Amino acid sequence: MRKFLSEKELEKLTTPRLLNYLRSLHAYHETPHWDDERPGEMTKDNEEWKKQYSLVKSILSNREHLNG
């Protein structure tokens, strides 16, 4: 299982890197039943994933927006 970054670690990331991290969170599957061959795989319905996603979105909302 992948280790999520702490709030402190996330805040140190540049905005482009944080956006890439957000993209990596989007790559997780929606439900735990997507593949029976990978039991225990982290999915978007997991509380840890939800907390991490909310934290990243919160940090990004306080960042300067990039144009173009």
PDB file of N, CA and C in Angstrom:
ATOM      1  N   MET A   1       0.834  -1.173   0.000  1.00  0.00           N
ATOM      2  CA  MET A   1       0.000   0.000   0.000  1.00  0.00           C
ATOM      3  C   MET A   1       0.891   1.252   0.000  1.00  0.00           C
ATOM      4  N   ARG A   2       0.516   2.211  -0.768  1.00  0.00           N
ATOM      5  CA  ARG A   2       1.289   3.440  -0.909  1.00  0.00           C
ATOM      6  C   ARG A   2       1.151   4.330   0.324  1.00  0.00           C
ATOM      7  N   LYS A   3       2.248   4.944   0.726  1.00  0.00           N
ATOM      8  CA  LYS A   3       2.246   5.865   1.857  1.00  0.00           C
ATOM      9  C   LYS A   3       1.857   7.256   1.357  1.00  0.00           C
ATOM     10  N   PHE A   4       0.901   7.870   2.030  1.00  0.00           N
ATOM     11  CA  PHE A   4       0.516   9.227   1.691  1.00  0.00           C
ATOM     12  C   PHE A   4       1.462  10.217   2.353  1.00  0.00           C
ATOM     13  N   LEU A   5       1.558  11.405   1.775  1.00  0.00           N
ATOM     14  CA  LEU A   5       2.408  12.452   2.325  1.00  0.00           C
ATOM     15  C   LEU A   5       1.695  13.165   3.463  1.00  0.00           C
ATOM     16  N   SER A   6       2.483  13.675   4.398  1.00  0.00           N
ATOM     17  CA  SER A   6       1.915  14.435   5.507  1.00  0.00           C
ATOM     18  C   SER A   6       1.553  15.843   5.019  1.00  0.00           C
ATOM     19  N   GLU A   7       0.799  16.567   5.826  1.00  0.00           N
ATOM     20  CA  GLU A   7       0.435  17.940   5.468  1.00  0.00           C
ATOM     21  C   GLU A   7       1.685  18.798   5.292  1.00  0.00           C
ATOM     22  N   LYS A   8       2.631  18.607   6.159  1.00  0.00           N
ATOM     23  CA  LYS A   8       3.890  19.363   6.087  1.00  0.00           C
ATOM     24  C   LYS A   8       4.632  19.068   4.778  1.00  0.00           C
ATOM     25  N   GLU A   9       4.685  17.791   4.410  1.00  0.00           N
ATOM     26  CA  GLU A   9       5.347  17.395   3.162  1.00  0.00           C
ATOM     27  C   GLU A   9       4.617  17.967   1.949  1.00  0.00           C
ATOM     28  N   LEU A  10       3.285  17.942   1.979  1.00  0.00           N
ATOM     29  CA  LEU A  10       2.499  18.476   0.873  1.00  0.00           C
ATOM     30  C   LEU A  10       2.699  19.978   0.710  1.00  0.00           C
ATOM     31  N   GLU A  11       2.754  20.689   1.818  1.00  0.00           N
ATOM     32  CA  GLU A  11       2.920  22.141   1.766  1.00  0.00           C
ATOM     33  C   GLU A  11       4.274  22.547   1.194  1.00  0.00           C
ATOM     34  N   LYS A  12       5.257  21.687   1.298  1.00  0.00           N
ATOM     35  CA  LYS A  12       6.587  21.971   0.762  1.00  0.00           C
ATOM     36  C   LYS A  12       6.658  21.803  -0.757  1.00  0.00           C
ATOM     37  N   LEU A  13       5.693  21.072  -1.328  1.00  0.00           N
ATOM     38  CA  LEU A  13       5.707  20.832  -2.768  1.00  0.00           C
ATOM     39  C   LEU A  13       5.363  22.103  -3.536  1.00  0.00           C
ATOM     40  N   THR A  14       5.975  22.254  -4.691  1.00  0.00           N
ATOM     41  CA  THR A  14       5.600  23.359  -5.568  1.00  0.00           C
ATOM     42  C   THR A  14       4.193  23.093  -6.099  1.00  0.00           C
ATOM     43  N   THR A  15       3.543  24.125  -6.598  1.00  0.00           N
ATOM     44  CA  THR A  15       2.188  23.953  -7.119  1.00  0.00           C
ATOM     45  C   THR A  15       2.135  22.927  -8.249  1.00  0.00           C
ATOM     46  N   PRO A  16       3.031  22.965  -9.232  1.00  0.00           N
ATOM     47  CA  PRO A  16       2.982  21.932 -10.283  1.00  0.00           C
ATOM     48  C   PRO A  16       3.150  20.512  -9.728  1.00  0.00           C
ATOM     49  N   ARG A  17       4.023  20.336  -8.759  1.00  0.00           N
ATOM     50  CA  ARG A  17       4.215  18.998  -8.173  1.00  0.00           C
ATOM     51  C   ARG A  17       2.989  18.566  -7.382  1.00  0.00           C
ATOM     52  N   LEU A  18       2.363  19.531  -6.707  1.00  0.00           N
ATOM     53  CA  LEU A  18       1.151  19.224  -5.960  1.00  0.00           C
ATOM     54  C   LEU A  18       0.009  18.836  -6.905  1.00  0.00           C
ATOM     55  N   LEU A  19      -0.058  19.505  -8.048  1.00  0.00           N
ATOM     56  CA  LEU A  19      -1.056  19.145  -9.059  1.00  0.00           C
ATOM     57  C   LEU A  19      -0.794  17.741  -9.610  1.00  0.00           C
ATOM     58  N   ASN A  20       0.450  17.385  -9.787  1.00  0.00           N
ATOM     59  CA  ASN A  20       0.798  16.019 -10.223  1.00  0.00           C
ATOM     60  C   ASN A  20       0.410  15.000  -9.165  1.00  0.00           C
ATOM     61  N   TYR A  21       0.616  15.356  -7.907  1.00  0.00           N
ATOM     62  CA  TYR A  21       0.225  14.467  -6.815  1.00  0.00           C
ATOM     63  C   TYR A  21      -1.294  14.269  -6.820  1.00  0.00           C
ATOM     64  N   LEU A  22      -2.036  15.350  -7.069  1.00  0.00           N
ATOM     65  CA  LEU A  22      -3.485  15.257  -7.165  1.00  0.00           C
ATOM     66  C   LEU A  22      -3.884  14.329  -8.306  1.00  0.00           C
ATOM     67  N   ARG A  23      -3.198  14.427  -9.434  1.00  0.00           N
ATOM     68  CA  ARG A  23      -3.470  13.528 -10.560  1.00  0.00           C
ATOM     69  C   ARG A  23      -3.235  12.070 -10.166  1.00  0.00           C
ATOM     70  N   SER A  24      -2.196  11.843  -9.370  1.00  0.00           N
ATOM     71  CA  SER A  24      -1.922  10.470  -8.941  1.00  0.00           C
ATOM     72  C   SER A  24      -3.042   9.956  -8.028  1.00  0.00           C
ATOM     73  N   LEU A  25      -3.639  10.834  -7.237  1.00  0.00           N
ATOM     74  CA  LEU A  25      -4.772  10.431  -6.402  1.00  0.00           C
ATOM     75  C   LEU A  25      -5.977  10.075  -7.270  1.00  0.00           C
ATOM     76  N   HIS A  26      -6.147  10.798  -8.372  1.00  0.00           N
ATOM     77  CA  HIS A  26      -7.257  10.511  -9.288  1.00  0.00           C
ATOM     78  C   HIS A  26      -7.118   9.125  -9.916  1.00  0.00           C
ATOM     79  N   ALA A  27      -5.916   8.587  -9.959  1.00  0.00           N
ATOM     80  CA  ALA A  27      -5.675   7.288 -10.595  1.00  0.00           C
ATOM     81  C   ALA A  27      -6.186   6.107  -9.760  1.00  0.00           C
ATOM     82  N   TYR A  28      -6.502   6.341  -8.498  1.00  0.00           N
ATOM     83  CA  TYR A  28      -7.030   5.258  -7.667  1.00  0.00           C
ATOM     84  C   TYR A  28      -8.406   4.844  -8.173  1.00  0.00           C
ATOM     85  N   HIS A  29      -8.748   3.584  -7.989  1.00  0.00           N
ATOM     86  CA  HIS A  29     -10.040   3.063  -8.426  1.00  0.00           C
ATOM     87  C   HIS A  29     -11.142   3.492  -7.465  1.00  0.00           C
ATOM     88  N   GLU A  30     -12.365   3.518  -7.969  1.00  0.00           N
ATOM     89  CA  GLU A  30     -13.520   3.973  -7.199  1.00  0.00           C
ATOM     90  C   GLU A  30     -13.907   3.033  -6.058  1.00  0.00           C
ATOM     91  N   THR A  31     -13.914   1.736  -6.315  1.00  0.00           N
ATOM     92  CA  THR A  31     -14.408   0.781  -5.320  1.00  0.00           C
ATOM     93  C   THR A  31     -13.408  -0.349  -5.109  1.00  0.00           C
ATOM     94  N   PRO A  32     -13.509  -1.037  -3.988  1.00  0.00           N
ATOM     95  CA  PRO A  32     -12.578  -2.150  -3.732  1.00  0.00           C
ATOM     96  C   PRO A  32     -12.861  -3.377  -4.581  1.00  0.00           C
ATOM     97  N   HIS A  33     -13.952  -3.401  -5.325  1.00  0.00           N
ATOM     98  CA  HIS A  33     -14.335  -4.585  -6.090  1.00  0.00           C
ATOM     99  C   HIS A  33     -13.883  -4.525  -7.544  1.00  0.00           C
ATOM    100  N   TRP A  34     -13.054  -3.555  -7.874  1.00  0.00           N
ATOM    101  CA  TRP A  34     -12.634  -3.392  -9.272  1.00  0.00           C
ATOM    102  C   TRP A  34     -11.798  -4.561  -9.761  1.00  0.00           C
ATOM    103  N   ASP A  35     -11.077  -5.228  -8.867  1.00  0.00           N
ATOM    104  CA  ASP A  35     -10.221  -6.342  -9.276  1.00  0.00           C
ATOM    105  C   ASP A  35     -10.055  -7.293  -8.100  1.00  0.00           C
ATOM    106  N   ASP A  36     -10.633  -8.452  -8.195  1.00  0.00           N
ATOM    107  CA  ASP A  36     -10.564  -9.424  -7.101  1.00  0.00           C
ATOM    108  C   ASP A  36      -9.162  -9.975  -6.884  1.00  0.00           C
ATOM    109  N   GLU A  37      -8.262  -9.740  -7.822  1.00  0.00           N
ATOM    110  CA  GLU A  37      -6.910 -10.267  -7.690  1.00  0.00           C
ATOM    111  C   GLU A  37      -6.012  -9.361  -6.848  1.00  0.00           C
ATOM    112  N   ARG A  38      -6.520  -8.202  -6.429  1.00  0.00           N
ATOM    113  CA  ARG A  38      -5.728  -7.286  -5.610  1.00  0.00           C
ATOM    114  C   ARG A  38      -6.488  -6.899  -4.348  1.00  0.00           C
ATOM    115  N   PRO A  39      -6.726  -7.845  -3.472  1.00  0.00           N
ATOM    116  CA  PRO A  39      -7.448  -7.514  -2.243  1.00  0.00           C
ATOM    117  C   PRO A  39      -6.628  -6.551  -1.378  1.00  0.00           C
ATOM    118  N   GLY A  40      -7.309  -5.626  -0.728  1.00  0.00           N
ATOM    119  CA  GLY A  40      -6.628  -4.676   0.136  1.00  0.00           C
ATOM    120  C   GLY A  40      -6.080  -3.467  -0.586  1.00  0.00           C
ATOM    121  N   GLU A  41      -6.299  -3.385  -1.900  1.00  0.00           N
ATOM    122  CA  GLU A  41      -5.824  -2.250  -2.684  1.00  0.00           C
ATOM    123  C   GLU A  41      -6.551  -0.980  -2.228  1.00  0.00           C
ATOM    124  N   MET A  42      -5.818   0.125  -2.071  1.00  0.00           N
ATOM    125  CA  MET A  42      -6.406   1.393  -1.677  1.00  0.00           C
ATOM    126  C   MET A  42      -7.339   1.893  -2.775  1.00  0.00           C
ATOM    127  N   THR A  43      -8.519   2.366  -2.392  1.00  0.00           N
ATOM    128  CA  THR A  43      -9.490   2.886  -3.346  1.00  0.00           C
ATOM    129  C   THR A  43     -10.010   4.243  -2.871  1.00  0.00           C
ATOM    130  N   LYS A  44     -10.750   4.904  -3.734  1.00  0.00           N
ATOM    131  CA  LYS A  44     -11.265   6.240  -3.428  1.00  0.00           C
ATOM    132  C   LYS A  44     -12.326   6.245  -2.333  1.00  0.00           C
ATOM    133  N   ASP A  45     -12.876   5.102  -2.003  1.00  0.00           N
ATOM    134  CA  ASP A  45     -13.863   5.080  -0.924  1.00  0.00           C
ATOM    135  C   ASP A  45     -13.223   4.846   0.445  1.00  0.00           C
ATOM    136  N   ASN A  46     -11.904   4.758   0.495  1.00  0.00           N
ATOM    137  CA  ASN A  46     -11.163   4.591   1.735  1.00  0.00           C
ATOM    138  C   ASN A  46     -11.031   5.948   2.453  1.00  0.00           C
ATOM    139  N   GLU A  47     -11.201   5.953   3.758  1.00  0.00           N
ATOM    140  CA  GLU A  47     -11.141   7.202   4.528  1.00  0.00           C
ATOM    141  C   GLU A  47      -9.781   7.895   4.417  1.00  0.00           C
ATOM    142  N   GLU A  48      -8.705   7.123   4.376  1.00  0.00           N
ATOM    143  CA  GLU A  48      -7.372   7.720   4.237  1.00  0.00           C
ATOM    144  C   GLU A  48      -7.251   8.462   2.912  1.00  0.00           C
ATOM    145  N   TRP A  49      -7.761   7.840   1.843  1.00  0.00           N
ATOM    146  CA  TRP A  49      -7.717   8.487   0.533  1.00  0.00           C
ATOM    147  C   TRP A  49      -8.532   9.773   0.563  1.00  0.00           C
ATOM    148  N   LYS A  50      -9.727   9.738   1.142  1.00  0.00           N
ATOM    149  CA  LYS A  50     -10.593  10.914   1.212  1.00  0.00           C
ATOM    150  C   LYS A  50      -9.929  12.059   1.981  1.00  0.00           C
ATOM    151  N   LYS A  51      -9.268  11.729   3.089  1.00  0.00           N
ATOM    152  CA  LYS A  51      -8.574  12.757   3.877  1.00  0.00           C
ATOM    153  C   LYS A  51      -7.440  13.374   3.072  1.00  0.00           C
ATOM    154  N   GLN A  52      -6.655  12.519   2.392  1.00  0.00           N
ATOM    155  CA  GLN A  52      -5.530  13.004   1.605  1.00  0.00           C
ATOM    156  C   GLN A  52      -6.013  13.899   0.467  1.00  0.00           C
ATOM    157  N   TYR A  53      -7.063  13.481  -0.214  1.00  0.00           N
ATOM    158  CA  TYR A  53      -7.622  14.246  -1.318  1.00  0.00           C
ATOM    159  C   TYR A  53      -8.108  15.615  -0.828  1.00  0.00           C
ATOM    160  N   SER A  54      -8.822  15.645   0.286  1.00  0.00           N
ATOM    161  CA  SER A  54      -9.315  16.907   0.850  1.00  0.00           C
ATOM    162  C   SER A  54      -8.171  17.824   1.254  1.00  0.00           C
ATOM    163  N   LEU A  55      -7.133  17.243   1.826  1.00  0.00           N
ATOM    164  CA  LEU A  55      -5.970  18.023   2.241  1.00  0.00           C
ATOM    165  C   LEU A  55      -5.279  18.661   1.040  1.00  0.00           C
ATOM    166  N   VAL A  56      -5.075  17.899  -0.011  1.00  0.00           N
ATOM    167  CA  VAL A  56      -4.435  18.420  -1.226  1.00  0.00           C
ATOM    168  C   VAL A  56      -5.279  19.540  -1.821  1.00  0.00           C
ATOM    169  N   LYS A  57      -6.593  19.322  -1.914  1.00  0.00           N
ATOM    170  CA  LYS A  57      -7.485  20.346  -2.463  1.00  0.00           C
ATOM    171  C   LYS A  57      -7.453  21.611  -1.612  1.00  0.00           C
ATOM    172  N   SER A  58      -7.396  21.462  -0.311  1.00  0.00           N
ATOM    173  CA  SER A  58      -7.351  22.608   0.595  1.00  0.00           C
ATOM    174  C   SER A  58      -6.066  23.412   0.405  1.00  0.00           C
ATOM    175  N   ILE A  59      -4.947  22.724   0.307  1.00  0.00           N
ATOM    176  CA  ILE A  59      -3.660  23.395   0.108  1.00  0.00           C
ATOM    177  C   ILE A  59      -3.656  24.114  -1.240  1.00  0.00           C
ATOM    178  N   LEU A  60      -4.163  23.452  -2.271  1.00  0.00           N
ATOM    179  CA  LEU A  60      -4.201  24.070  -3.601  1.00  0.00           C
ATOM    180  C   LEU A  60      -5.111  25.295  -3.633  1.00  0.00           C
ATOM    181  N   SER A  61      -6.171  25.290  -2.868  1.00  0.00           N
ATOM    182  CA  SER A  61      -7.094  26.425  -2.865  1.00  0.00           C
ATOM    183  C   SER A  61      -6.450  27.689  -2.301  1.00  0.00           C
ATOM    184  N   ASN A  62      -5.387  27.507  -1.528  1.00  0.00           N
ATOM    185  CA  ASN A  62      -4.678  28.656  -0.954  1.00  0.00           C
ATOM    186  C   ASN A  62      -3.459  29.062  -1.773  1.00  0.00           C
ATOM    187  N   ARG A  63      -3.217  28.365  -2.866  1.00  0.00           N
ATOM    188  CA  ARG A  63      -2.079  28.668  -3.723  1.00  0.00           C
ATOM    189  C   ARG A  63      -2.456  29.677  -4.783  1.00  0.00           C
ATOM    190  N   GLU A  64      -1.445  30.356  -5.286  1.00  0.00           N
ATOM    191  CA  GLU A  64      -1.634  31.267  -6.398  1.00  0.00           C
ATOM    192  C   GLU A  64      -2.006  30.445  -7.632  1.00  0.00           C
ATOM    193  N   HIS A  65      -2.964  30.921  -8.393  1.00  0.00           N
ATOM    194  CA  HIS A  65      -3.391  30.214  -9.598  1.00  0.00           C
ATOM    195  C   HIS A  65      -2.403  30.460 -10.724  1.00  0.00           C
ATOM    196  N   LEU A  66      -2.128  29.408 -11.484  1.00  0.00           N
ATOM    197  CA  LEU A  66      -1.223  29.511 -12.618  1.00  0.00           C
ATOM    198  C   LEU A  66      -2.028  29.766 -13.895  1.00  0.00           C
ATOM    199  N   ASN A  67      -1.566  30.675 -14.704  1.00  0.00           N
ATOM    200  CA  ASN A  67      -2.215  30.940 -15.991  1.00  0.00           C
ATOM    201  C   ASN A  67      -1.414  30.313 -17.101  1.00  0.00           C
ATOM    202  N   GLY A  68      -2.146  29.657 -17.996  1.00  0.00           N
ATOM    203  CA  GLY A  68      -1.602  29.182 -19.234  1.00  0.00           C
ATOM    204  C   GLY A  68      -0.632  28.116 -19.207  1.00  0.00           C
TER     205      GLY A  68
END
